[in-house]
């Protein structure tokens, strides 16, 4: 196909105070997809040191909080008939755009690419890194079970985005899952494409995992409230207080865990994830109940 006939793509990257953005942009600039057929828009969501524009990267300032507000603002200023989303801490493969566009050409309304999680040292990962190597960003499972995907690696058409509407910017977590489920329900096929790859660093510390869990569980409650179900506070399920004994089997079977040390770290990480999730869910549910009683 002549280059001029290829669809024009807008690549959208929200960022806030992330030094890893430079590496992400370097990977985007070296895409095999013709440079004349895509633009890169960085949506700076209130960085302490504003991101500076450069010749091959357009930067917009988005003062309203939240990465989904930033993505919506970038879409409004974009020119592409195809919208490709990734995050500032991701490293897209050289053919990421070409593969994502090929998925759209094959009939997908939304392409969910593979998110390859990596550790600083795969032979000696921290417990949280080991947990994420196995569990983080299961795009194929999201698509198969929920018709959903995450914006670390998501491509769609402008037609679909306009028809479905933007991300719910009032959600600070999970708006990508919510949006892709809306798109799926509207008839825009979500397809997993293993060959459209971005690499994503595993979280490293217990504090980082705790922060993620708090954001995700609070986001789940926010979605319930928006859907008119404020009573559905995220109380932990009874099984969440049981020890995750399956972690031992998963540690033995997971191909991502290359050493005995990595498998041991994974087991620690899975136990932490189980009980931190239960604690945070209980705390947030208790606060929600007190808030409703006060009102």
Protein backbone atom coordinates (compact mmCIF):
# COMPACT_ATOMS: atom_id res chain seq x y z
CA UNK A 1 0.00 0.00 0.00
CA UNK A 2 1.37 3.45 -0.86
CA UNK A 3 2.42 5.42 2.19
CA UNK A 4 -0.09 8.14 1.39
CA UNK A 5 -2.92 5.58 1.64
CA UNK A 6 -2.04 4.46 5.16
CA UNK A 7 -4.33 5.79 7.90
CA UNK A 8 -3.02 8.71 9.92
CA UNK A 9 -2.50 7.76 13.56
CA UNK A 10 -2.46 9.94 16.66
CA UNK A 11 -0.35 8.43 19.45
CA UNK A 12 -1.47 9.74 22.84
CA UNK A 13 0.73 9.61 25.94
CA UNK A 14 -0.42 11.18 29.24
CA UNK A 15 2.32 12.06 31.70
CA UNK A 16 2.89 13.60 35.09
CA UNK A 17 6.38 13.90 36.53
CA UNK A 18 7.70 10.76 34.87
CA UNK A 19 11.37 10.76 33.84
CA UNK A 20 10.73 7.59 31.82
CA UNK A 21 8.85 9.61 29.21
CA UNK A 22 12.05 10.28 27.27
CA UNK A 23 12.67 6.56 26.70
CA UNK A 24 9.05 6.08 25.66
CA UNK A 25 9.29 8.88 23.09
CA UNK A 26 12.56 7.51 21.74
CA UNK A 27 10.81 4.23 21.04
CA UNK A 28 7.86 5.96 19.41
CA UNK A 29 10.08 8.01 17.12
CA UNK A 30 11.76 4.87 15.79
CA UNK A 31 8.54 3.14 14.75
CA UNK A 32 8.55 1.25 11.45
CA UNK A 33 5.22 2.89 10.60
CA UNK A 34 5.99 5.85 8.28
CA UNK A 35 6.73 8.97 10.31
CA UNK A 36 4.64 11.07 7.92
CA UNK A 37 1.57 9.04 8.89
CA UNK A 38 1.50 9.54 12.63
CA UNK A 39 1.77 12.24 15.28
CA UNK A 40 2.77 12.00 18.93
CA UNK A 41 0.78 14.01 21.47
CA UNK A 42 2.01 14.20 25.05
CA UNK A 43 -0.69 15.35 27.46
CA UNK A 44 1.13 16.88 30.43
CA UNK A 45 -1.18 16.48 33.41
CA UNK A 46 0.40 19.00 35.78
CA UNK A 47 4.07 18.01 35.92
CA UNK A 48 6.12 20.10 38.35
CA UNK A 49 8.52 20.73 35.49
CA UNK A 50 6.37 21.05 32.35
CA UNK A 51 7.25 18.81 29.44
CA UNK A 52 8.82 20.78 26.61
CA UNK A 53 7.68 20.42 23.02
CA UNK A 54 10.12 19.19 20.40
CA UNK A 55 9.95 19.01 16.65
CA UNK A 56 8.49 15.52 16.44
CA UNK A 57 6.34 15.68 19.59
CA UNK A 58 3.35 17.92 20.26
CA UNK A 59 2.79 18.75 23.95
CA UNK A 60 -0.45 20.01 25.45
CA UNK A 61 -0.98 21.15 29.04
CA UNK A 62 -4.00 19.66 30.81
CA UNK A 63 -4.48 21.18 34.28
CA UNK A 64 -7.56 19.14 35.22
CA UNK A 65 -6.48 16.17 37.34
CA UNK A 66 -6.42 12.61 36.11
CA UNK A 67 -4.83 10.77 33.21
CA UNK A 68 -8.22 10.18 31.59
CA UNK A 69 -8.87 13.92 31.43
CA UNK A 70 -5.46 14.22 29.78
CA UNK A 71 -6.29 11.52 27.23
CA UNK A 72 -9.64 13.13 26.39
CA UNK A 73 -7.99 16.51 25.90
CA UNK A 74 -5.36 14.98 23.62
CA UNK A 75 -8.01 13.27 21.52
CA UNK A 76 -9.76 16.61 21.04
CA UNK A 77 -6.58 18.10 19.60
CA UNK A 78 -5.55 15.09 17.54
CA UNK A 79 -5.83 14.62 13.78
CA UNK A 80 -5.71 10.87 13.34
CA UNK A 81 -8.43 8.58 12.09
CA UNK A 82 -6.83 6.03 14.39
CA UNK A 83 -6.02 6.70 18.06
CA UNK A 84 -3.22 4.73 19.73
CA UNK A 85 -2.80 4.96 23.50
CA UNK A 86 0.19 4.06 25.62
CA UNK A 87 1.73 5.28 28.88
CA UNK A 88 4.84 7.29 29.67
CA UNK A 89 6.50 4.33 31.41
CA UNK A 90 5.98 1.99 28.45
CA UNK A 91 8.47 1.04 25.74
CA UNK A 92 6.62 0.26 22.50
CA UNK A 93 8.25 -2.25 20.17
CA UNK A 94 9.51 -0.84 16.87
CA UNK A 95 6.55 -2.34 14.98
CA UNK A 96 3.93 -1.54 17.63
CA UNK A 97 2.07 1.00 15.52
CA UNK A 98 2.25 -1.09 12.35
CA UNK A 99 0.87 -4.13 14.18
CA UNK A 100 -1.85 -2.11 15.92
CA UNK A 101 -2.99 -0.54 12.65
CA UNK A 102 -2.98 -3.99 11.03
CA UNK A 103 -5.37 -5.13 13.74
CA UNK A 104 -7.73 -2.27 12.93
CA UNK A 105 -7.46 -3.09 9.22
CA UNK A 106 -8.41 -6.69 10.04
CA UNK A 107 -11.75 -5.49 11.39
CA UNK A 108 -11.19 -4.72 15.06
CA UNK A 109 -12.85 -1.68 16.55
CA UNK A 110 -10.40 -1.81 19.46
CA UNK A 111 -6.98 -3.50 19.46
CA UNK A 112 -5.65 -4.66 22.82
CA UNK A 113 -1.93 -5.28 22.43
CA UNK A 114 0.33 -7.40 24.59
CA UNK A 115 1.88 -5.69 27.63
CA UNK A 116 5.18 -7.42 28.39
CA UNK A 117 6.15 -6.80 32.01
CA UNK A 118 9.82 -6.84 32.91
CA UNK A 119 11.86 -6.68 36.13
CA UNK A 120 15.17 -4.96 36.80
CA UNK A 121 16.74 -8.39 37.22
CA UNK A 122 14.51 -11.28 36.18
CA UNK A 123 16.64 -13.74 38.15
CA UNK A 124 16.35 -11.75 41.40
CA UNK A 125 13.02 -9.92 41.34
CA UNK A 126 11.54 -8.32 44.43
CA UNK A 127 8.31 -9.95 45.70
CA UNK A 128 6.24 -7.27 43.99
CA UNK A 129 8.18 -7.53 40.74
CA UNK A 130 7.73 -11.30 40.76
CA UNK A 131 4.00 -10.93 41.39
CA UNK A 132 3.66 -8.48 38.50
CA UNK A 133 5.71 -10.61 36.12
CA UNK A 134 2.98 -13.24 36.44
CA UNK A 135 -0.18 -11.22 36.99
CA UNK A 136 0.11 -7.65 35.69
CA UNK A 137 -1.72 -6.46 32.56
CA UNK A 138 -3.39 -9.72 31.42
CA UNK A 139 -4.74 -8.16 28.23
CA UNK A 140 -5.69 -11.43 26.52
CA UNK A 141 -7.70 -12.50 29.56
CA UNK A 142 -9.33 -9.06 29.85
CA UNK A 143 -10.50 -9.30 26.25
CA UNK A 144 -11.72 -12.90 26.52
CA UNK A 145 -13.56 -12.56 29.83
CA UNK A 146 -14.61 -8.93 29.98
CA UNK A 147 -14.37 -7.47 26.48
CA UNK A 148 -11.98 -4.92 27.97
CA UNK A 149 -8.40 -3.67 27.80
CA UNK A 150 -6.09 -1.06 29.32
CA UNK A 151 -4.63 2.09 27.79
CA UNK A 152 -1.05 0.97 28.33
CA UNK A 153 -1.59 -0.65 24.93
CA UNK A 154 -4.89 0.19 23.26
CA UNK A 155 -5.69 1.34 19.73
CA UNK A 156 -9.07 2.29 18.34
CA UNK A 157 -10.68 4.31 15.57
CA UNK A 158 -11.83 7.88 15.92
CA UNK A 159 -15.22 6.70 14.70
CA UNK A 160 -15.48 4.32 17.64
CA UNK A 161 -14.23 6.89 20.14
CA UNK A 162 -16.69 9.53 18.92
CA UNK A 163 -19.58 7.07 18.90
CA UNK A 164 -18.88 5.67 22.36
CA UNK A 165 -17.79 8.96 23.94
CA UNK A 166 -14.66 9.78 25.87
CA UNK A 167 -13.18 8.30 29.00
CA UNK A 168 -15.08 9.08 32.20
CA UNK A 169 -12.62 11.60 33.55
CA UNK A 170 -14.18 11.61 37.01
CA UNK A 171 -12.71 8.13 37.46
CA UNK A 172 -9.09 8.18 38.57
CA UNK A 173 -8.71 4.44 37.92
CA UNK A 174 -10.36 1.90 35.65
CA UNK A 175 -11.82 4.30 33.09
CA UNK A 176 -10.00 2.42 30.33
CA UNK A 177 -11.71 -0.84 31.32
CA UNK A 178 -15.05 0.97 31.53
CA UNK A 179 -14.55 2.65 28.13
CA UNK A 180 -13.53 -0.53 26.32
CA UNK A 181 -16.53 -2.38 27.75
CA UNK A 182 -18.79 0.40 26.47
CA UNK A 183 -17.15 0.11 23.06
CA UNK A 184 -17.61 -3.65 23.05
CA UNK A 185 -21.27 -3.29 24.02
CA UNK A 186 -21.74 -0.79 21.18
CA UNK A 187 -20.51 -3.35 18.65
CA UNK A 188 -16.89 -2.29 18.25
CA UNK A 189 -15.04 -5.60 18.34
CA UNK A 190 -12.18 -5.75 20.82
CA UNK A 191 -9.38 -7.97 19.54
CA UNK A 192 -6.25 -9.10 21.35
CA UNK A 193 -3.15 -8.82 19.15
CA UNK A 194 -0.11 -10.50 20.65
CA UNK A 195 2.22 -9.01 18.02
CA UNK A 196 1.43 -5.40 19.05
CA UNK A 197 3.80 -5.19 22.01
CA UNK A 198 4.76 -2.61 24.60
CA UNK A 199 7.10 -3.34 27.50
CA UNK A 200 6.16 -2.11 30.97
CA UNK A 201 8.34 -2.12 34.11
CA UNK A 202 7.07 -4.13 37.04
CA UNK A 203 6.36 -2.23 40.21
CA UNK A 204 9.15 -2.88 42.67
CA UNK A 205 8.06 -2.10 46.23
CA UNK A 206 5.32 -2.95 48.69
CA UNK A 207 4.47 0.76 48.86
CA UNK A 208 4.03 0.92 45.09
CA UNK A 209 1.71 -2.08 45.14
CA UNK A 210 -0.27 -0.66 48.04
CA UNK A 211 -0.74 2.60 46.14
CA UNK A 212 -1.95 0.74 43.07
CA UNK A 213 -4.40 -1.36 45.10
CA UNK A 214 -5.82 1.70 46.82
CA UNK A 215 -6.32 3.43 43.47
CA UNK A 216 -7.90 0.39 41.80
CA UNK A 217 -10.25 -0.48 44.65
CA UNK A 218 -11.32 3.15 45.07
CA UNK A 219 -11.89 3.31 41.31
CA UNK A 220 -14.14 0.26 41.52
CA UNK A 221 -16.23 2.01 44.17
CA UNK A 222 -16.36 5.19 42.05
CA UNK A 223 -17.67 3.17 39.09
CA UNK A 224 -20.36 1.61 41.28
CA UNK A 225 -21.40 5.06 42.51
CA UNK A 226 -21.58 6.44 38.96
CA UNK A 227 -23.79 3.52 37.96
CA UNK A 228 -26.19 4.34 40.80
CA UNK A 229 -25.00 1.60 43.15
CA UNK A 230 -23.33 3.52 45.97
CA UNK A 231 -24.26 0.74 48.38
CA UNK A 232 -21.86 -1.57 46.60
CA UNK A 233 -18.86 -0.52 48.63
CA UNK A 234 -15.89 -2.75 47.92
CA UNK A 235 -16.14 -5.01 50.95
CA UNK A 236 -13.64 -7.84 50.56
CA UNK A 237 -15.03 -11.21 49.53
CA UNK A 238 -14.82 -13.95 52.19
CA UNK A 239 -12.20 -15.85 50.19
CA UNK A 240 -9.92 -12.80 50.28
CA UNK A 241 -8.97 -13.55 53.88
CA UNK A 242 -7.95 -17.12 53.10
CA UNK A 243 -4.26 -17.79 52.41
CA UNK A 244 -3.52 -18.01 48.66
CA UNK A 245 -2.21 -21.56 48.77
CA UNK A 246 -2.45 -21.75 44.99
CA UNK A 247 0.56 -19.42 44.91
CA UNK A 248 2.84 -22.41 45.40
CA UNK A 249 1.48 -24.15 42.30
CA UNK A 250 1.52 -20.95 40.25
CA UNK A 251 5.12 -20.29 41.30
CA UNK A 252 6.14 -23.73 40.07
CA UNK A 253 4.29 -23.40 36.75
CA UNK A 254 4.94 -19.77 35.78
CA UNK A 255 7.40 -19.53 32.92
CA UNK A 256 8.15 -15.93 33.85
CA UNK A 257 9.86 -17.08 37.07
CA UNK A 258 13.29 -18.36 36.09
CA UNK A 259 14.92 -19.15 39.42
CA UNK A 260 14.11 -20.59 42.83
CA UNK A 261 14.61 -17.13 44.28
CA UNK A 262 12.11 -15.65 41.81
CA UNK A 263 9.53 -18.30 42.69
CA UNK A 264 9.99 -17.69 46.42
CA UNK A 265 9.63 -13.95 45.87
CA UNK A 266 6.42 -14.54 43.93
CA UNK A 267 4.87 -16.47 46.81
CA UNK A 268 5.65 -13.61 49.21
CA UNK A 269 4.23 -11.12 46.71
CA UNK A 270 1.02 -13.09 46.27
CA UNK A 271 0.44 -13.33 50.02
CA UNK A 272 1.05 -9.58 50.33
CA UNK A 273 -1.35 -8.81 47.48
CA UNK A 274 -4.09 -10.96 49.00
CA UNK A 275 -4.01 -9.42 52.45
CA UNK A 276 -3.22 -5.84 51.40
CA UNK A 277 -6.23 -5.98 49.05
CA UNK A 278 -8.49 -7.19 51.86
CA UNK A 279 -7.22 -4.54 54.29
CA UNK A 280 -7.59 -1.66 51.84
CA UNK A 281 -11.03 -2.81 50.68
CA UNK A 282 -12.23 -3.04 54.28
CA UNK A 283 -10.84 0.40 55.09
CA UNK A 284 -12.48 2.04 52.06
CA UNK A 285 -15.79 0.27 52.62
CA UNK A 286 -15.84 1.38 56.27
CA UNK A 287 -15.16 4.97 55.25
CA UNK A 288 -17.93 4.81 52.65
CA UNK A 289 -20.39 3.50 55.22
CA UNK A 290 -19.48 6.25 57.70
CA UNK A 291 -19.84 8.86 54.95
CA UNK A 292 -23.33 7.63 54.04
CA UNK A 293 -24.40 7.63 57.68
CA UNK A 294 -23.11 11.18 58.12
CA UNK A 295 -25.10 12.36 55.12
